[in-house]
Amino acid sequence: MPFKENITATSSKILELLKDKESLTSWQIKVSLNISSSLLYLALGSLENQNKVTIEPDGLNYKVTKINA
């Protein structure tokens, strides 16, 4: 799968994980999807840039919350 498509697919999977949750940590997302940290943070950055999630520091991780528009 081309790199940009992989980021887009991962972004969609993250949104699906957040569908029924208030928020998840970056670690919970990484482990659930079994993805590299690089791919995780590229996908999260893409989602934040599109105003689909907020990302806040949470200890060693980040708290990721879906924006319900």
Protein backbone atom coordinates (compact mmCIF):
# COMPACT_ATOMS: atom_id res chain seq x y z
CA MET A 1 0.00 0.00 0.00
CA PRO A 2 1.42 3.43 -0.88
CA PHE A 3 2.56 5.47 2.11
CA LYS A 4 -0.08 8.24 1.92
CA GLU A 5 -2.87 5.68 1.51
CA ASN A 6 -1.54 3.84 4.57
CA ILE A 7 -1.78 7.05 6.63
CA THR A 8 -5.33 7.65 5.38
CA ALA A 9 -6.37 4.05 6.15
CA THR A 10 -4.85 4.27 9.63
CA SER A 11 -6.63 7.58 10.25
CA SER A 12 -9.94 5.90 9.40
CA LYS A 13 -9.18 3.04 11.78
CA ILE A 14 -8.39 5.50 14.57
CA LEU A 15 -11.70 7.29 14.04
CA GLU A 16 -13.48 3.93 14.14
CA LEU A 17 -11.78 3.08 17.46
CA LEU A 18 -12.90 6.44 18.87
CA LYS A 19 -16.45 6.00 17.59
CA ASP A 20 -17.90 4.73 20.87
CA LYS A 21 -15.27 6.12 23.25
CA GLU A 22 -14.91 9.53 24.82
CA SER A 23 -11.15 9.35 24.33
CA LEU A 24 -8.21 6.94 24.15
CA THR A 25 -4.51 7.31 24.85
CA SER A 26 -2.02 7.17 22.02
CA TRP A 27 -0.69 3.93 23.57
CA GLN A 28 -4.14 2.31 23.54
CA ILE A 29 -4.54 3.19 19.86
CA LYS A 30 -1.03 1.93 18.98
CA VAL A 31 -1.55 -1.40 20.71
CA SER A 32 -5.11 -1.88 19.39
CA LEU A 33 -4.06 -1.31 15.79
CA ASN A 34 -0.62 -2.94 16.12
CA ILE A 35 1.09 -0.08 14.25
CA SER A 36 4.42 1.70 14.47
CA SER A 37 4.75 4.89 16.48
CA SER A 38 5.68 6.78 13.31
CA LEU A 39 2.51 5.72 11.51
CA LEU A 40 0.42 6.45 14.61
CA TYR A 41 1.68 10.01 14.96
CA LEU A 42 1.49 10.76 11.23
CA ALA A 43 -2.15 9.60 11.22
CA LEU A 44 -2.96 11.54 14.42
CA GLY A 45 -1.34 14.66 12.99
CA SER A 46 -3.42 14.29 9.86
CA LEU A 47 -6.61 13.91 11.89
CA GLU A 48 -5.78 16.91 14.07
CA ASN A 49 -5.02 18.99 10.98
CA GLN A 50 -8.48 18.09 9.64
CA ASN A 51 -10.05 19.06 13.00
CA LYS A 52 -11.32 15.52 13.57
CA VAL A 53 -9.49 14.95 16.89
CA THR A 54 -7.85 16.88 19.68
CA ILE A 55 -4.55 15.73 21.15
CA GLU A 56 -3.44 16.66 24.67
CA PRO A 57 -0.39 15.56 26.69
CA ASP A 58 -1.19 12.79 29.19
CA GLY A 59 1.95 11.75 31.04
CA LEU A 60 4.16 9.79 28.63
CA ASN A 61 1.29 9.46 26.17
CA TYR A 62 -1.29 11.69 24.56
CA LYS A 63 -5.03 11.79 25.14
CA VAL A 64 -6.85 11.62 21.81
CA THR A 65 -10.45 12.80 21.69
CA LYS A 66 -12.71 12.71 18.67
CA ILE A 67 -14.35 16.01 17.74
CA ASN A 68 -18.04 15.42 17.14
CA ALA A 69 -19.07 17.85 14.44
